[in-house]
N, C-alpha and C. Protein backbone atom coordinates (compact mmCIF):
# COMPACT_ATOMS: atom_id res chain seq x y z
N MET A 1 -2.78 24.03 -14.61
CA MET A 1 -2.27 24.93 -13.60
C MET A 1 -3.33 26.00 -13.37
N GLY A 2 -3.71 26.16 -12.14
CA GLY A 2 -4.74 27.12 -11.81
C GLY A 2 -4.17 28.50 -11.52
N LYS A 3 -5.03 29.44 -11.39
CA LYS A 3 -4.64 30.82 -11.13
C LYS A 3 -4.11 30.93 -9.70
N GLY A 4 -3.01 31.61 -9.53
CA GLY A 4 -2.45 31.85 -8.21
C GLY A 4 -1.53 30.76 -7.70
N GLN A 5 -1.31 29.71 -8.48
CA GLN A 5 -0.43 28.64 -8.04
C GLN A 5 0.99 28.91 -8.53
N THR A 6 1.94 28.65 -7.66
CA THR A 6 3.34 28.87 -7.99
C THR A 6 3.86 27.72 -8.83
N VAL A 7 4.55 28.04 -9.89
CA VAL A 7 5.15 27.03 -10.75
C VAL A 7 6.54 26.72 -10.18
N ILE A 8 6.76 25.44 -9.84
CA ILE A 8 8.03 25.04 -9.24
C ILE A 8 8.70 24.04 -10.16
N ASN A 9 9.94 24.24 -10.42
CA ASN A 9 10.72 23.31 -11.22
C ASN A 9 11.07 22.11 -10.33
N SER A 10 10.59 20.93 -10.70
CA SER A 10 10.83 19.75 -9.88
C SER A 10 12.28 19.29 -9.91
N ASN A 11 13.05 19.84 -10.81
CA ASN A 11 14.46 19.47 -10.90
C ASN A 11 15.23 19.94 -9.66
N HIS A 12 14.75 20.97 -8.99
CA HIS A 12 15.42 21.47 -7.80
C HIS A 12 15.30 20.49 -6.63
N LYS A 13 14.24 19.71 -6.60
CA LYS A 13 14.00 18.79 -5.49
C LYS A 13 14.76 17.48 -5.66
N ARG A 14 15.24 17.19 -6.84
CA ARG A 14 15.89 15.92 -7.11
C ARG A 14 17.27 15.86 -6.49
N ASP A 15 17.63 14.65 -6.09
CA ASP A 15 18.99 14.40 -5.60
C ASP A 15 19.85 14.06 -6.81
N ARG A 16 20.62 15.03 -7.29
CA ARG A 16 21.42 14.83 -8.50
C ARG A 16 22.87 14.54 -8.17
N SER A 17 23.16 14.19 -6.92
CA SER A 17 24.54 13.98 -6.51
C SER A 17 25.11 12.65 -7.01
N GLN A 18 24.27 11.71 -7.34
CA GLN A 18 24.74 10.41 -7.77
C GLN A 18 24.40 10.17 -9.23
N LYS A 19 25.24 9.38 -9.86
CA LYS A 19 24.93 8.96 -11.22
C LYS A 19 23.88 7.87 -11.14
N ILE A 20 23.16 7.68 -12.20
CA ILE A 20 22.03 6.74 -12.21
C ILE A 20 22.49 5.32 -11.95
N ASN A 21 23.58 4.89 -12.56
CA ASN A 21 24.05 3.52 -12.34
C ASN A 21 24.46 3.30 -10.90
N GLU A 22 25.11 4.29 -10.30
CA GLU A 22 25.48 4.18 -8.88
C GLU A 22 24.24 4.14 -8.00
N LEU A 23 23.26 4.94 -8.36
CA LEU A 23 22.01 4.96 -7.60
C LEU A 23 21.29 3.62 -7.72
N MET A 24 21.31 3.03 -8.91
CA MET A 24 20.69 1.72 -9.09
C MET A 24 21.38 0.67 -8.22
N GLU A 25 22.70 0.71 -8.15
CA GLU A 25 23.42 -0.24 -7.32
C GLU A 25 23.15 -0.01 -5.84
N GLN A 26 23.07 1.24 -5.45
CA GLN A 26 22.83 1.56 -4.05
C GLN A 26 21.44 1.08 -3.61
N VAL A 27 20.43 1.34 -4.42
CA VAL A 27 19.07 0.92 -4.07
C VAL A 27 18.95 -0.60 -4.15
N ALA A 28 19.61 -1.22 -5.11
CA ALA A 28 19.58 -2.68 -5.22
C ALA A 28 20.22 -3.34 -4.01
N SER A 29 21.20 -2.69 -3.41
CA SER A 29 21.85 -3.28 -2.23
C SER A 29 20.93 -3.31 -1.02
N LEU A 30 19.83 -2.57 -1.05
CA LEU A 30 18.86 -2.59 0.05
C LEU A 30 17.96 -3.82 0.00
N PHE A 31 17.95 -4.52 -1.13
CA PHE A 31 17.10 -5.70 -1.32
C PHE A 31 17.85 -6.96 -0.90
N PRO A 32 17.11 -7.99 -0.47
CA PRO A 32 17.77 -9.25 -0.11
C PRO A 32 18.41 -9.94 -1.32
N ASP A 33 17.78 -9.85 -2.49
CA ASP A 33 18.33 -10.42 -3.72
C ASP A 33 18.74 -9.26 -4.62
N LYS A 34 20.03 -8.90 -4.53
CA LYS A 34 20.53 -7.73 -5.24
C LYS A 34 20.41 -7.90 -6.76
N GLN A 35 20.66 -9.11 -7.26
CA GLN A 35 20.61 -9.34 -8.71
C GLN A 35 19.19 -9.19 -9.25
N ALA A 36 18.21 -9.72 -8.52
CA ALA A 36 16.81 -9.58 -8.95
C ALA A 36 16.40 -8.11 -8.95
N ALA A 37 16.88 -7.35 -7.96
CA ALA A 37 16.56 -5.92 -7.90
C ALA A 37 17.19 -5.19 -9.08
N GLN A 38 18.42 -5.53 -9.43
CA GLN A 38 19.06 -4.88 -10.56
C GLN A 38 18.33 -5.21 -11.87
N ASN A 39 17.86 -6.44 -11.99
CA ASN A 39 17.08 -6.81 -13.17
C ASN A 39 15.78 -6.01 -13.23
N TYR A 40 15.14 -5.86 -12.07
CA TYR A 40 13.90 -5.08 -12.01
C TYR A 40 14.17 -3.62 -12.40
N PHE A 41 15.27 -3.07 -11.89
CA PHE A 41 15.59 -1.68 -12.22
C PHE A 41 15.93 -1.51 -13.69
N ALA A 42 16.54 -2.52 -14.30
CA ALA A 42 16.82 -2.46 -15.73
C ALA A 42 15.51 -2.41 -16.52
N GLN A 43 14.53 -3.20 -16.10
CA GLN A 43 13.22 -3.18 -16.76
C GLN A 43 12.52 -1.84 -16.51
N LEU A 44 12.68 -1.33 -15.30
CA LEU A 44 12.10 -0.03 -14.96
C LEU A 44 12.73 1.07 -15.82
N ARG A 45 14.02 0.99 -16.00
CA ARG A 45 14.72 1.97 -16.83
C ARG A 45 14.28 1.87 -18.28
N LYS A 46 14.03 0.64 -18.73
CA LYS A 46 13.57 0.44 -20.10
C LYS A 46 12.15 1.00 -20.29
N ALA A 47 11.31 0.83 -19.26
CA ALA A 47 9.93 1.31 -19.35
C ALA A 47 9.83 2.82 -19.20
N ARG A 48 10.65 3.41 -18.34
CA ARG A 48 10.59 4.85 -18.07
C ARG A 48 11.99 5.45 -18.04
N PRO A 49 12.65 5.54 -19.16
CA PRO A 49 14.04 6.01 -19.14
C PRO A 49 14.20 7.47 -18.70
N ARG A 50 13.22 8.27 -18.99
CA ARG A 50 13.33 9.69 -18.64
C ARG A 50 13.19 9.93 -17.14
N TYR A 51 12.46 9.06 -16.47
CA TYR A 51 12.15 9.29 -15.05
C TYR A 51 12.81 8.27 -14.14
N ILE A 52 13.87 7.60 -14.58
CA ILE A 52 14.47 6.53 -13.79
C ILE A 52 15.00 7.05 -12.46
N ARG A 53 15.59 8.22 -12.43
CA ARG A 53 16.12 8.75 -11.16
C ARG A 53 14.99 8.96 -10.15
N ASP A 54 13.92 9.58 -10.60
CA ASP A 54 12.78 9.79 -9.70
C ASP A 54 12.19 8.47 -9.23
N GLN A 55 12.12 7.50 -10.14
CA GLN A 55 11.58 6.19 -9.78
C GLN A 55 12.45 5.53 -8.71
N LEU A 56 13.76 5.57 -8.89
CA LEU A 56 14.68 4.95 -7.92
C LEU A 56 14.64 5.66 -6.57
N LEU A 57 14.58 6.96 -6.59
CA LEU A 57 14.50 7.72 -5.33
C LEU A 57 13.19 7.43 -4.61
N ASN A 58 12.12 7.27 -5.37
CA ASN A 58 10.83 6.93 -4.77
C ASN A 58 10.88 5.55 -4.14
N ILE A 59 11.48 4.59 -4.81
CA ILE A 59 11.60 3.24 -4.27
C ILE A 59 12.47 3.26 -3.02
N ARG A 60 13.57 4.00 -3.06
CA ARG A 60 14.46 4.07 -1.90
C ARG A 60 13.74 4.67 -0.69
N SER A 61 12.97 5.71 -0.91
CA SER A 61 12.24 6.31 0.22
C SER A 61 11.14 5.39 0.75
N SER A 62 10.51 4.63 -0.14
CA SER A 62 9.47 3.71 0.33
C SER A 62 10.07 2.56 1.11
N ILE A 63 11.29 2.13 0.75
CA ILE A 63 11.96 1.08 1.50
C ILE A 63 12.29 1.57 2.90
N ARG A 64 12.73 2.79 3.01
CA ARG A 64 13.09 3.35 4.32
C ARG A 64 11.87 3.54 5.20
N LYS A 65 10.70 3.77 4.62
CA LYS A 65 9.49 4.02 5.39
C LYS A 65 8.75 2.74 5.77
N SER A 66 9.04 1.63 5.11
CA SER A 66 8.25 0.42 5.33
C SER A 66 9.09 -0.68 5.96
N ASN A 67 8.44 -1.81 6.16
CA ASN A 67 9.09 -2.97 6.74
C ASN A 67 9.93 -3.66 5.67
N GLU A 68 11.21 -3.81 5.94
CA GLU A 68 12.13 -4.37 4.95
C GLU A 68 11.97 -5.88 4.78
N ALA A 69 11.21 -6.52 5.66
CA ALA A 69 11.04 -7.97 5.57
C ALA A 69 10.26 -8.39 4.34
N TYR A 70 9.50 -7.49 3.75
CA TYR A 70 8.63 -7.82 2.63
C TYR A 70 9.17 -7.35 1.28
N LEU A 71 10.41 -6.90 1.26
CA LEU A 71 10.98 -6.40 0.00
C LEU A 71 11.05 -7.48 -1.06
N GLY A 72 11.50 -8.66 -0.68
CA GLY A 72 11.61 -9.75 -1.65
C GLY A 72 10.27 -10.14 -2.23
N GLN A 73 9.25 -10.20 -1.36
CA GLN A 73 7.90 -10.54 -1.83
C GLN A 73 7.37 -9.49 -2.78
N ALA A 74 7.54 -8.23 -2.42
CA ALA A 74 7.03 -7.14 -3.26
C ALA A 74 7.76 -7.12 -4.61
N LEU A 75 9.07 -7.32 -4.57
CA LEU A 75 9.84 -7.34 -5.80
C LEU A 75 9.41 -8.50 -6.70
N GLY A 76 9.24 -9.68 -6.10
CA GLY A 76 8.80 -10.84 -6.88
C GLY A 76 7.43 -10.63 -7.48
N PHE A 77 6.52 -10.04 -6.71
CA PHE A 77 5.17 -9.78 -7.20
C PHE A 77 5.20 -8.81 -8.38
N CYS A 78 5.99 -7.74 -8.24
CA CYS A 78 6.06 -6.74 -9.30
C CYS A 78 6.67 -7.31 -10.57
N GLN A 79 7.68 -8.15 -10.42
CA GLN A 79 8.29 -8.76 -11.60
C GLN A 79 7.34 -9.75 -12.26
N ALA A 80 6.65 -10.54 -11.45
CA ALA A 80 5.73 -11.54 -12.00
C ALA A 80 4.56 -10.91 -12.73
N ASN A 81 4.13 -9.74 -12.27
CA ASN A 81 2.96 -9.08 -12.85
C ASN A 81 3.33 -7.91 -13.76
N ASN A 82 4.60 -7.80 -14.12
CA ASN A 82 5.08 -6.74 -15.01
C ASN A 82 4.69 -5.34 -14.53
N ILE A 83 4.92 -5.09 -13.27
CA ILE A 83 4.66 -3.77 -12.68
C ILE A 83 5.98 -3.03 -12.62
N PHE A 84 6.16 -2.07 -13.49
CA PHE A 84 7.40 -1.32 -13.56
C PHE A 84 7.12 0.16 -13.33
N ASN A 85 6.75 0.47 -12.10
CA ASN A 85 6.41 1.82 -11.69
C ASN A 85 6.69 1.92 -10.20
N ALA A 86 7.40 2.94 -9.78
CA ALA A 86 7.78 3.08 -8.38
C ALA A 86 6.56 3.28 -7.48
N GLY A 87 5.58 4.02 -7.94
CA GLY A 87 4.38 4.23 -7.14
C GLY A 87 3.63 2.93 -6.90
N ASP A 88 3.54 2.10 -7.93
CA ASP A 88 2.88 0.82 -7.78
C ASP A 88 3.71 -0.13 -6.92
N PHE A 89 5.04 -0.07 -7.04
CA PHE A 89 5.90 -0.87 -6.19
C PHE A 89 5.68 -0.52 -4.72
N THR A 90 5.59 0.77 -4.44
CA THR A 90 5.35 1.23 -3.07
C THR A 90 4.01 0.73 -2.56
N ALA A 91 2.99 0.76 -3.40
CA ALA A 91 1.67 0.27 -3.00
C ALA A 91 1.71 -1.22 -2.72
N VAL A 92 2.42 -1.98 -3.53
CA VAL A 92 2.53 -3.42 -3.33
C VAL A 92 3.27 -3.70 -2.02
N LEU A 93 4.35 -2.98 -1.78
CA LEU A 93 5.13 -3.16 -0.55
C LEU A 93 4.28 -2.83 0.67
N ASP A 94 3.52 -1.75 0.60
CA ASP A 94 2.64 -1.38 1.71
C ASP A 94 1.55 -2.42 1.93
N SER A 95 1.02 -2.97 0.85
CA SER A 95 -0.06 -3.96 1.00
C SER A 95 0.47 -5.24 1.63
N PHE A 96 1.68 -5.65 1.28
CA PHE A 96 2.25 -6.84 1.92
C PHE A 96 2.47 -6.62 3.41
N SER A 97 2.91 -5.44 3.79
CA SER A 97 3.13 -5.19 5.21
C SER A 97 1.81 -5.04 5.96
N LEU A 98 0.77 -4.50 5.31
CA LEU A 98 -0.53 -4.37 5.97
C LEU A 98 -1.21 -5.73 6.16
N VAL A 99 -1.08 -6.60 5.17
CA VAL A 99 -1.71 -7.92 5.26
C VAL A 99 -1.12 -8.70 6.41
N SER A 100 0.18 -8.58 6.62
CA SER A 100 0.83 -9.34 7.69
C SER A 100 0.49 -8.77 9.06
N GLN A 101 0.13 -7.49 9.14
CA GLN A 101 -0.17 -6.87 10.42
C GLN A 101 -1.62 -7.05 10.85
N ALA A 102 -2.47 -7.50 9.95
CA ALA A 102 -3.89 -7.66 10.28
C ALA A 102 -4.06 -8.76 11.31
N PRO A 103 -4.80 -8.50 12.39
CA PRO A 103 -5.00 -9.54 13.40
C PRO A 103 -5.89 -10.65 12.87
N LYS A 104 -5.48 -11.87 13.13
CA LYS A 104 -6.25 -13.02 12.69
C LYS A 104 -6.76 -13.77 13.92
N PRO A 105 -8.07 -13.78 14.13
CA PRO A 105 -8.58 -14.49 15.30
C PRO A 105 -8.39 -15.99 15.13
N LEU A 106 -7.93 -16.60 16.17
CA LEU A 106 -7.73 -18.04 16.12
C LEU A 106 -9.06 -18.76 16.30
N LEU A 107 -9.17 -19.91 15.69
CA LEU A 107 -10.39 -20.70 15.77
C LEU A 107 -10.66 -21.10 17.22
N GLU A 108 -9.60 -21.40 17.96
CA GLU A 108 -9.78 -21.78 19.36
C GLU A 108 -10.36 -20.62 20.17
N GLU A 109 -9.93 -19.39 19.87
CA GLU A 109 -10.46 -18.23 20.58
C GLU A 109 -11.95 -18.05 20.29
N LEU A 110 -12.34 -18.26 19.05
CA LEU A 110 -13.74 -18.11 18.68
C LEU A 110 -14.60 -19.19 19.32
N LEU A 111 -14.08 -20.41 19.37
CA LEU A 111 -14.83 -21.51 19.95
C LEU A 111 -14.85 -21.46 21.47
N ALA A 112 -13.89 -20.78 22.08
CA ALA A 112 -13.81 -20.72 23.53
C ALA A 112 -14.89 -19.83 24.13
N LYS A 113 -15.44 -18.93 23.37
CA LYS A 113 -16.47 -18.03 23.87
C LYS A 113 -17.79 -18.79 23.98
N PRO A 114 -18.44 -18.72 25.16
CA PRO A 114 -19.72 -19.43 25.29
C PRO A 114 -20.82 -18.74 24.48
N VAL A 115 -21.69 -19.55 23.91
CA VAL A 115 -22.80 -19.04 23.12
C VAL A 115 -24.09 -19.32 23.89
N ASN A 116 -24.87 -18.28 24.12
CA ASN A 116 -26.13 -18.42 24.80
C ASN A 116 -27.20 -18.66 23.74
N ARG A 117 -27.80 -19.85 23.78
CA ARG A 117 -28.80 -20.23 22.76
C ARG A 117 -30.03 -19.32 22.81
N LYS A 118 -30.34 -18.78 23.97
CA LYS A 118 -31.49 -17.91 24.11
C LYS A 118 -31.34 -16.65 23.25
N HIS A 119 -30.12 -16.14 23.17
CA HIS A 119 -29.87 -14.95 22.37
C HIS A 119 -29.92 -15.22 20.87
N LEU A 120 -29.66 -16.43 20.47
CA LEU A 120 -29.69 -16.76 19.05
C LEU A 120 -31.11 -16.75 18.49
N SER A 121 -32.09 -17.14 19.32
CA SER A 121 -33.46 -17.20 18.83
C SER A 121 -34.26 -15.93 19.15
N ALA A 122 -33.64 -14.95 19.75
CA ALA A 122 -34.33 -13.72 20.12
C ALA A 122 -34.63 -12.89 18.88
N THR A 123 -35.79 -12.22 18.89
CA THR A 123 -36.15 -11.30 17.81
C THR A 123 -36.19 -9.90 18.38
N PRO A 124 -35.74 -8.93 17.64
CA PRO A 124 -35.72 -7.56 18.15
C PRO A 124 -37.13 -6.98 18.24
N GLN A 125 -37.28 -6.00 19.10
CA GLN A 125 -38.56 -5.33 19.23
C GLN A 125 -38.81 -4.48 17.99
N THR A 126 -40.07 -4.39 17.61
CA THR A 126 -40.44 -3.56 16.46
C THR A 126 -41.48 -2.55 16.90
N SER A 127 -41.54 -1.48 16.16
CA SER A 127 -42.51 -0.44 16.45
C SER A 127 -43.54 -0.40 15.33
N ASP A 128 -44.71 0.09 15.67
CA ASP A 128 -45.78 0.22 14.69
C ASP A 128 -45.59 1.53 13.93
N ILE A 129 -45.67 1.48 12.65
CA ILE A 129 -45.48 2.66 11.81
C ILE A 129 -46.56 3.71 12.07
N ASN A 130 -47.71 3.29 12.50
CA ASN A 130 -48.81 4.23 12.79
C ASN A 130 -48.45 5.16 13.94
N ASP A 131 -47.65 4.68 14.90
CA ASP A 131 -47.20 5.54 16.00
C ASP A 131 -46.39 6.71 15.46
N TYR A 132 -45.48 6.43 14.53
CA TYR A 132 -44.65 7.48 13.96
C TYR A 132 -45.48 8.43 13.10
N GLU A 133 -46.38 7.89 12.32
CA GLU A 133 -47.21 8.73 11.48
C GLU A 133 -48.07 9.66 12.30
N SER A 134 -48.59 9.18 13.43
CA SER A 134 -49.44 10.05 14.27
C SER A 134 -48.61 11.19 14.88
N ILE A 135 -47.36 10.92 15.20
CA ILE A 135 -46.50 11.97 15.76
C ILE A 135 -46.18 13.01 14.69
N VAL A 136 -45.84 12.58 13.49
CA VAL A 136 -45.47 13.50 12.42
C VAL A 136 -46.67 14.30 11.96
N ASN A 137 -47.84 13.66 11.84
CA ASN A 137 -49.04 14.33 11.33
C ASN A 137 -49.69 15.23 12.35
N SER A 138 -49.40 15.06 13.64
CA SER A 138 -50.06 15.88 14.67
C SER A 138 -49.47 17.28 14.72
N LYS A 139 -48.36 17.52 14.15
CA LYS A 139 -47.73 18.86 14.21
C LYS A 139 -48.24 19.74 13.15
């Protein structure tokens, strides 16, 4: 903590209106496979019991911000690779949605463009280094 920084209790920012088990069920209901999500949350709770509420709230907010079509893939990836962290889950979910949004040029589009053979064998113009040296040394 540096000088002049305000110390804030993070407990004030937490949503404490729900019990943890209810919160786990609510967040699991956002997934296509509710049982797999509950199993994942049980592992998450086992790995980070003190921070389970924050982890679940983080996952819930990341689901609301991202494309829900990739929830099953992200959940499966995290379970297969033993990733039990809400921040890493969010990164995995974001990466699945980014990969699907990347434009993929079709082979037909690439082949449809005409190629001028003259441009393939062209060499760029080059300058003589002595020209530059004479300019720099003349000053």
